[in-house]
Amino acid sequence: MNYILSDGYQREDLFPFTFTRPVCEIRVGILTIREKWEKWLGTSVSSLTEEYLSEKFSLEIGKENVVINGSYLPNASLLAAIQSLKKGEALMDQDQYIAYGTDGAKTPFNSDDYVLIPYTSDSLTIKHTWDIFSKNGEALQSDFDLLTKGRKSQPISSTNQVLNPENIFIEEGATVEFSILNASTGPIYIGKNALVMEGCMIRGGFALCENAVVKMGAKIYGPTTAGPGCKLGGEVNNSVLFANSNKGHDGFLGNSVLGEWCNIGADTNTSNLKNNYAEVRLWNYKTEGFARTGLQFCGLMMGDHSKCGINVMFNTGTVVGVSANIFGSGFPRNFVPSFSWGGASGFTTFLPKKVFEVATAMMERRGMQFNETEARILEHVFELTQKWRNY
């Protein structure tokens, strides 16, 4: 059977992160949603996404296909239900498909064409941007159990102070010395060749993925995830960084999500709680208004390749698009469109040519190349987001 992960119904609700990736490439817990499905299914999966993303995230169609809504995270019950699907059957969560069996994949799903099978068991879904951090603890525990089952952790150095060591897993090549690791409130996973520098205080759940770094004296409250190649410093609470993003200095980041190739300047702070303790609303691209989150704590949502300078202050519930560059004193508005350059005093357009120069320099520092495929994706996003820069 050939398995395909689709963007389902959720793509626009997950902007700005899905401007530059399929829904299944969102990281929550330790792994991306695609990586989770590949491990549960024991095979590779491809993506059914927007045409401008398909050069980077390709689609493979077989003779028999099961298309899975990429906003759903796998568990044993859901896996069994999906693997039992036959051609012409669709597994449904009320009026939304979870998965369907088909000999093709590009034809849009129409419930009239399928035998509908209701799914009533619990499932973890990522349908809004704030789900990424608010459901990170549950996803992190599931990934921790999946990745460590039947395996033995590398030894925990005696220089560390440790609580609940049985809930800590250190991969090969990782280094953790002279730090406090408290896994009583959730698992702590330290990925391959990752580094926790001296004097860090880490409270689980926490995932530090491959080649990521926690800087000296950092204070980390779970559930937090630092994806591959990320750098964490200062104070971080219940946040997710996808990959190769930096929050390496003092300052507070809480209840937030950073995409890839973001950089947070020294002493930048995010507010995650309104002064009146009211529910936080976040900009929604689909409705072009501020959506109710149902949350009292919500910080910063920052798309890929966005940056901020030193001492930037973000209001509670701020959404920053793709390839924005923010600097200066005062609070910028709580919706910063993609390709914006400026701050509280106003914004101009950050032109793609300049964006590409910054992206090339940042990626070269990690031994990676900004290529034409990446450039074409960002050029498309520049056009898609033009109307919001005119607000």
Protein backbone atom coordinates (compact mmCIF):
# COMPACT_ATOMS: atom_id res chain seq x y z
CA MET A 1 0.00 0.00 0.00
CA ASN A 2 1.18 3.51 -0.84
CA TYR A 3 0.53 6.16 1.81
CA ILE A 4 0.12 9.87 1.11
CA LEU A 5 -0.28 12.73 3.59
CA SER A 6 -2.55 15.53 2.40
CA ASP A 7 -3.04 19.06 3.65
CA GLY A 8 -6.68 18.26 4.36
CA TYR A 9 -8.88 21.15 5.46
CA GLN A 10 -6.42 22.80 7.81
CA ARG A 11 -3.78 24.44 5.63
CA GLU A 12 -5.00 28.06 5.77
CA ASP A 13 -5.63 27.87 9.52
CA LEU A 14 -1.97 26.91 9.95
CA PHE A 15 -0.49 29.91 8.13
CA PRO A 16 2.21 31.26 8.32
CA PHE A 17 3.86 27.86 8.86
CA THR A 18 2.14 26.19 5.90
CA PHE A 19 3.05 28.95 3.47
CA THR A 20 6.39 27.15 3.15
CA ARG A 21 5.59 23.50 3.94
CA PRO A 22 2.82 20.90 3.82
CA VAL A 23 0.82 20.42 7.01
CA CYS A 24 2.60 17.12 7.67
CA GLU A 25 5.99 18.86 7.87
CA ILE A 26 4.99 20.68 11.06
CA ARG A 27 7.07 19.60 14.05
CA VAL A 28 5.19 18.84 17.24
CA GLY A 29 6.58 16.67 20.01
CA ILE A 30 9.96 15.37 18.84
CA LEU A 31 9.21 14.46 15.23
CA THR A 32 7.41 16.11 12.35
CA ILE A 33 3.96 14.70 11.60
CA ARG A 34 5.37 13.00 8.50
CA GLU A 35 8.19 11.40 10.48
CA LYS A 36 5.65 10.09 13.01
CA TRP A 37 3.56 8.42 10.31
CA GLU A 38 6.62 6.91 8.64
CA LYS A 39 7.70 5.31 11.90
CA TRP A 40 4.20 4.03 12.74
CA LEU A 41 3.61 2.72 9.21
CA GLY A 42 7.15 1.39 8.71
CA THR A 43 7.39 2.95 5.24
CA SER A 44 8.03 6.27 3.55
CA VAL A 45 5.14 8.61 2.75
CA SER A 46 4.80 11.49 0.29
CA SER A 47 2.86 14.75 0.32
CA LEU A 48 -0.25 15.96 -1.48
CA THR A 49 0.08 19.71 -1.20
CA GLU A 50 0.02 22.96 -3.16
CA GLU A 51 1.64 22.91 -6.60
CA TYR A 52 4.27 25.52 -5.70
CA LEU A 53 5.46 23.32 -2.80
CA SER A 54 5.45 20.04 -4.73
CA GLU A 55 8.94 20.49 -6.22
CA LYS A 56 10.41 20.26 -2.73
CA PHE A 57 7.73 18.02 -1.19
CA SER A 58 6.95 15.52 -3.93
CA LEU A 59 3.94 13.26 -4.44
CA GLU A 60 4.28 9.54 -5.20
CA ILE A 61 1.13 7.81 -6.45
CA GLY A 62 0.88 4.00 -6.46
CA LYS A 63 -1.69 1.54 -7.79
CA GLU A 64 -3.36 1.44 -4.39
CA ASN A 65 -3.19 4.53 -2.20
CA VAL A 66 -4.39 5.62 1.19
CA VAL A 67 -4.54 9.40 1.55
CA ILE A 68 -4.26 10.54 5.18
CA ASN A 69 -5.19 13.99 6.47
CA GLY A 70 -1.81 15.38 7.58
CA SER A 71 -3.25 17.25 10.56
CA TYR A 72 -3.92 13.93 12.38
CA LEU A 73 -1.18 12.41 14.53
CA PRO A 74 -0.91 8.61 14.58
CA ASN A 75 -1.74 6.30 17.46
CA ALA A 76 -2.37 2.54 17.64
CA SER A 77 -6.15 2.79 17.24
CA LEU A 78 -5.99 5.20 14.31
CA LEU A 79 -3.26 3.18 12.60
CA ALA A 80 -5.36 0.00 12.77
CA ALA A 81 -8.41 1.79 11.35
CA ILE A 82 -6.42 3.28 8.47
CA GLN A 83 -4.62 0.07 7.58
CA SER A 84 -7.96 -1.74 7.30
CA LEU A 85 -9.33 0.74 4.72
CA LYS A 86 -10.16 -0.59 1.27
CA LYS A 87 -10.44 1.28 -1.99
CA GLY A 88 -13.60 3.37 -1.99
CA GLU A 89 -13.79 3.62 1.80
CA ALA A 90 -13.21 6.75 3.86
CA LEU A 91 -12.54 7.05 7.57
CA MET A 92 -14.45 10.06 8.88
CA ASP A 93 -14.23 12.36 11.88
CA GLN A 94 -17.75 13.79 11.72
CA ASP A 95 -17.80 15.72 8.41
CA GLN A 96 -14.03 15.66 7.82
CA TYR A 97 -12.04 12.82 6.31
CA ILE A 98 -9.18 11.29 8.24
CA ALA A 99 -8.16 8.93 5.44
CA TYR A 100 -9.52 7.32 2.29
CA GLY A 101 -8.53 4.53 -0.09
CA THR A 102 -8.19 5.42 -3.76
CA ASP A 103 -6.45 4.41 -6.97
CA GLY A 104 -5.69 8.09 -7.58
CA ALA A 105 -4.87 10.97 -5.28
CA LYS A 106 -5.12 14.26 -7.14
CA THR A 107 -8.91 14.29 -7.43
CA PRO A 108 -10.37 16.35 -4.56
CA PHE A 109 -12.11 14.27 -1.91
CA ASN A 110 -15.90 14.01 -2.34
CA SER A 111 -17.74 12.11 0.37
CA ASP A 112 -20.41 11.01 -2.14
CA ASP A 113 -17.80 8.82 -3.84
CA TYR A 114 -16.96 6.77 -0.74
CA VAL A 115 -18.40 4.41 1.81
CA LEU A 116 -18.09 6.47 4.98
CA ILE A 117 -16.77 4.81 8.14
CA PRO A 118 -17.08 6.88 11.34
CA TYR A 119 -14.06 7.06 13.66
CA THR A 120 -15.00 7.72 17.28
CA SER A 121 -11.78 7.03 19.19
CA ASP A 122 -9.53 9.78 20.48
CA SER A 123 -7.00 11.33 18.14
CA LEU A 124 -4.55 14.21 18.45
CA THR A 125 -4.92 16.84 15.71
CA ILE A 126 -3.12 20.03 14.74
CA LYS A 127 -5.81 22.29 13.30
CA HIS A 128 -4.69 25.71 14.54
CA THR A 129 -1.27 27.29 15.01
CA TRP A 130 -1.68 27.37 18.78
CA ASP A 131 -2.27 23.60 18.82
CA ILE A 132 1.43 23.18 18.05
CA PHE A 133 2.56 24.38 21.47
CA SER A 134 -0.60 23.60 23.48
CA LYS A 135 -0.58 19.93 22.41
CA ASN A 136 3.20 19.61 22.41
CA GLY A 137 3.33 17.82 25.77
CA GLU A 138 1.06 14.98 24.66
CA ALA A 139 2.85 14.64 21.32
CA LEU A 140 6.25 14.71 23.02
CA GLN A 141 5.32 11.88 25.38
CA SER A 142 4.03 9.78 22.48
CA ASP A 143 7.20 10.35 20.42
CA PHE A 144 9.41 9.67 23.44
CA ASP A 145 7.69 6.31 24.00
CA LEU A 146 7.97 5.47 20.29
CA LEU A 147 11.65 6.39 19.90
CA THR A 148 12.95 4.87 23.12
CA LYS A 149 10.95 1.62 23.30
CA GLY A 150 13.33 -1.31 23.77
CA ARG A 151 16.40 0.94 23.67
CA LYS A 152 18.91 2.01 26.31
CA SER A 153 19.93 5.61 26.89
CA GLN A 154 23.54 6.71 26.88
CA PRO A 155 24.76 7.16 30.48
CA ILE A 156 23.83 10.40 32.22
CA SER A 157 26.99 12.13 33.42
CA SER A 158 27.45 12.22 37.19
CA THR A 159 28.15 15.96 36.97
CA ASN A 160 24.40 16.55 36.51
CA GLN A 161 21.67 16.80 39.14
CA VAL A 162 18.87 14.47 37.99
CA LEU A 163 15.28 13.74 39.00
CA ASN A 164 13.48 10.73 37.47
CA PRO A 165 16.44 9.48 35.38
CA GLU A 166 14.28 6.66 33.99
CA ASN A 167 12.36 9.36 32.10
CA ILE A 168 15.49 10.76 30.43
CA PHE A 169 16.95 9.48 27.18
CA ILE A 170 20.27 10.64 25.73
CA GLU A 171 21.18 9.65 22.19
CA GLU A 172 24.65 8.75 20.93
CA GLY A 173 27.06 11.66 20.67
CA ALA A 174 25.02 14.01 22.87
CA THR A 175 26.72 15.93 25.70
CA VAL A 176 25.09 17.09 28.94
CA GLU A 177 27.31 18.27 31.82
CA PHE A 178 26.85 20.25 35.08
CA SER A 179 23.11 20.84 34.55
CA ILE A 180 19.82 20.15 36.35
CA LEU A 181 17.48 17.70 34.62
CA ASN A 182 14.02 17.32 36.17
CA ALA A 183 11.97 14.71 34.32
CA SER A 184 9.26 14.41 36.97
CA THR A 185 6.83 16.53 34.91
CA GLY A 186 7.58 14.98 31.53
CA PRO A 187 10.26 13.15 29.56
CA ILE A 188 13.57 14.71 28.57
CA TYR A 189 14.96 13.63 25.20
CA ILE A 190 18.45 14.72 24.10
CA GLY A 191 19.03 13.93 20.43
CA LYS A 192 22.07 12.69 18.57
CA ASN A 193 25.10 15.02 18.80
CA ALA A 194 23.07 17.61 20.72
CA LEU A 195 24.74 19.77 23.38
CA VAL A 196 23.48 21.05 26.72
CA MET A 197 26.07 23.49 28.02
CA GLU A 198 26.92 23.91 31.68
CA GLY A 199 24.56 25.42 34.22
CA CYS A 200 21.28 24.76 32.41
CA MET A 201 18.03 24.11 34.27
CA ILE A 202 15.67 21.89 32.28
CA ARG A 203 12.22 20.81 33.39
CA GLY A 204 10.46 18.23 31.21
CA GLY A 205 8.86 17.56 28.91
CA PHE A 206 11.71 18.66 26.70
CA ALA A 207 13.09 17.54 23.36
CA LEU A 208 16.46 18.73 22.07
CA CYS A 209 16.76 17.27 18.59
CA GLU A 210 19.83 16.29 16.59
CA ASN A 211 22.70 18.81 16.59
CA ALA A 212 20.71 21.33 18.63
CA VAL A 213 22.25 23.34 21.48
CA VAL A 214 21.10 24.74 24.83
CA LYS A 215 23.33 27.66 25.79
CA MET A 216 24.91 28.14 29.23
CA GLY A 217 22.58 28.97 32.10
CA ALA A 218 19.36 28.53 30.12
CA LYS A 219 16.06 28.01 31.97
CA ILE A 220 13.74 25.67 30.09
CA TYR A 221 10.19 24.87 31.17
CA GLY A 222 8.35 22.13 29.36
CA PRO A 223 6.77 21.07 27.28
CA THR A 224 9.33 22.59 24.87
CA THR A 225 10.88 21.32 21.65
CA ALA A 226 14.04 22.56 19.92
CA GLY A 227 14.21 20.97 16.47
CA PRO A 228 17.38 19.88 14.66
CA GLY A 229 20.09 22.52 14.58
CA CYS A 230 18.27 24.96 16.89
CA LYS A 231 19.87 27.04 19.64
CA LEU A 232 18.13 27.89 22.93
CA GLY A 233 19.16 30.33 25.61
CA GLY A 234 17.62 32.54 28.26
CA GLU A 235 14.15 31.60 29.51
CA VAL A 236 11.89 29.40 27.37
CA ASN A 237 8.49 28.01 28.32
CA ASN A 238 6.19 25.66 26.37
CA SER A 239 7.52 26.59 22.93
CA VAL A 240 8.32 24.76 19.68
CA LEU A 241 11.15 25.62 17.28
CA PHE A 242 10.93 23.64 14.02
CA ALA A 243 14.58 23.45 12.87
CA ASN A 244 17.72 25.61 12.52
CA SER A 245 16.22 28.53 14.42
CA ASN A 246 17.98 30.52 17.12
CA LYS A 247 16.78 31.89 20.42
CA GLY A 248 20.26 31.81 21.85
CA HIS A 249 20.36 34.74 24.28
CA ASP A 250 18.67 36.12 27.39
CA GLY A 251 15.04 37.12 27.10
CA PHE A 252 11.73 35.26 27.45
CA LEU A 253 9.98 33.10 24.85
CA GLY A 254 6.75 31.50 26.03
CA ASN A 255 3.82 29.60 24.52
CA SER A 256 5.25 30.27 21.09
CA VAL A 257 6.15 28.62 17.79
CA LEU A 258 9.09 29.50 15.52
CA GLY A 259 9.40 28.04 12.03
CA GLU A 260 12.75 27.28 10.36
CA TRP A 261 15.67 29.69 9.99
CA CYS A 262 14.31 32.24 12.46
CA ASN A 263 16.55 34.32 14.71
CA ILE A 264 15.52 36.03 17.93
CA GLY A 265 17.81 38.90 18.97
CA ALA A 266 19.38 39.26 22.42
CA ASP A 267 17.05 40.41 25.21
CA THR A 268 13.97 40.07 23.02
CA ASN A 269 10.87 39.24 25.06
CA THR A 270 7.47 37.83 24.18
CA SER A 271 4.40 38.50 26.28
CA ASN A 272 2.33 35.36 26.69
CA LEU A 273 -0.35 36.73 29.06
CA LYS A 274 -2.55 39.80 28.69
CA ASN A 275 -2.53 42.33 31.55
CA ASN A 276 -6.27 41.78 32.04
CA TYR A 277 -5.91 37.98 31.90
CA ALA A 278 -8.35 37.86 28.97
CA GLU A 279 -8.48 35.17 26.30
CA VAL A 280 -5.82 35.67 23.61
CA ARG A 281 -6.87 36.19 20.00
CA LEU A 282 -4.56 35.43 17.07
CA TRP A 283 -4.60 36.74 13.50
CA ASN A 284 -6.25 34.24 11.16
CA TYR A 285 -5.34 34.50 7.48
CA LYS A 286 -8.47 32.70 6.29
CA THR A 287 -10.96 35.03 7.99
CA GLU A 288 -8.63 38.05 7.94
CA GLY A 289 -9.54 38.71 11.54
CA PHE A 290 -8.45 37.77 15.03
CA ALA A 291 -9.58 34.27 16.05
CA ARG A 292 -10.45 33.10 19.53
CA THR A 293 -7.86 30.65 20.82
CA GLY A 294 -9.58 29.66 24.05
CA LEU A 295 -6.20 30.21 25.70
CA GLN A 296 -5.05 32.57 28.40
CA PHE A 297 -1.39 32.00 27.52
CA CYS A 298 -0.23 32.55 23.95
CA GLY A 299 2.92 34.29 22.72
CA LEU A 300 4.54 34.53 19.29
CA MET A 301 3.88 32.68 16.00
CA MET A 302 6.79 33.36 13.63
CA GLY A 303 7.06 32.00 10.07
CA ASP A 304 10.18 30.70 8.34
CA HIS A 305 13.18 32.99 7.70
CA SER A 306 11.88 35.78 9.95
CA LYS A 307 14.21 37.65 12.29
CA CYS A 308 14.14 40.26 15.01
CA GLY A 309 16.88 42.52 16.40
CA ILE A 310 17.95 43.03 19.99
CA ASN A 311 15.49 44.23 22.63
CA VAL A 312 12.38 43.70 20.50
CA MET A 313 9.15 43.40 22.50
CA PHE A 314 6.29 41.27 21.17
CA ASN A 315 2.74 41.73 22.40
CA THR A 316 0.68 38.78 23.60
CA GLY A 317 -0.57 36.79 20.63
CA THR A 318 1.64 38.21 17.85
CA VAL A 319 1.73 36.60 14.41
CA VAL A 320 4.77 37.27 12.21
CA GLY A 321 4.73 36.00 8.64
CA VAL A 322 7.51 34.58 6.45
CA SER A 323 10.76 36.47 5.85
CA ALA A 324 10.00 39.48 8.05
CA ASN A 325 12.73 41.54 9.71
CA ILE A 326 11.70 43.39 12.90
CA PHE A 327 13.76 45.84 14.92
CA GLY A 328 13.65 49.00 17.03
CA SER A 329 12.00 50.07 20.27
CA GLY A 330 8.34 49.81 21.19
CA PHE A 331 5.84 47.07 20.44
CA PRO A 332 5.27 46.21 16.77
CA ARG A 333 1.65 45.48 15.90
CA ASN A 334 0.40 41.97 16.65
CA PHE A 335 0.15 41.00 12.99
CA VAL A 336 3.30 41.52 10.94
CA PRO A 337 2.80 40.48 7.29
CA SER A 338 5.36 38.40 5.41
CA PHE A 339 8.28 40.26 3.81
CA SER A 340 7.93 43.23 6.16
CA TRP A 341 10.93 45.34 7.25
CA GLY A 342 10.65 47.64 10.26
CA GLY A 343 9.02 47.83 13.67
CA ALA A 344 6.71 49.86 15.89
CA SER A 345 7.30 53.01 13.82
CA GLY A 346 6.14 51.34 10.62
CA PHE A 347 7.07 48.82 7.93
CA THR A 348 8.32 48.78 4.37
CA THR A 349 8.60 45.81 2.01
CA PHE A 350 11.53 43.47 2.51
CA LEU A 351 12.19 42.61 -1.14
CA PRO A 352 12.90 38.98 -2.12
CA LYS A 353 16.38 39.81 -3.43
CA LYS A 354 17.42 41.03 0.01
CA VAL A 355 15.61 38.14 1.71
CA PHE A 356 17.58 35.68 -0.41
CA GLU A 357 20.88 37.31 0.58
CA VAL A 358 20.06 36.92 4.27
CA ALA A 359 18.83 33.34 3.84
CA THR A 360 21.96 32.39 1.88
CA ALA A 361 24.25 33.80 4.58
CA MET A 362 22.37 32.15 7.45
CA MET A 363 22.19 28.74 5.80
CA GLU A 364 25.87 28.81 4.82
CA ARG A 365 26.72 29.20 8.52
CA ARG A 366 25.16 25.75 9.01
CA GLY A 367 26.85 24.25 5.96
CA MET A 368 23.61 24.29 3.95
CA GLN A 369 22.70 25.87 0.63
CA PHE A 370 19.85 28.21 -0.22
CA ASN A 371 18.87 26.90 -3.64
CA GLU A 372 16.57 27.83 -6.51
CA THR A 373 13.79 25.60 -5.21
CA GLU A 374 13.73 27.50 -1.92
CA ALA A 375 13.86 30.80 -3.80
CA ARG A 376 10.86 29.89 -5.97
CA ILE A 377 8.82 28.95 -2.90
CA LEU A 378 9.59 32.27 -1.22
CA GLU A 379 8.86 34.20 -4.41
CA HIS A 380 5.45 32.54 -4.55
CA VAL A 381 4.79 33.34 -0.91
CA PHE A 382 5.79 36.96 -1.61
CA GLU A 383 3.04 37.19 -4.22
CA LEU A 384 0.50 35.32 -2.07
CA THR A 385 0.97 37.69 0.85
CA GLN A 386 1.06 40.98 -1.04
CA LYS A 387 -2.43 42.07 0.00
CA TRP A 388 -1.63 41.97 3.72
CA ARG A 389 1.35 44.28 3.29
CA ASN A 390 -1.12 46.87 2.02
CA TYR A 391 -3.22 46.82 5.21
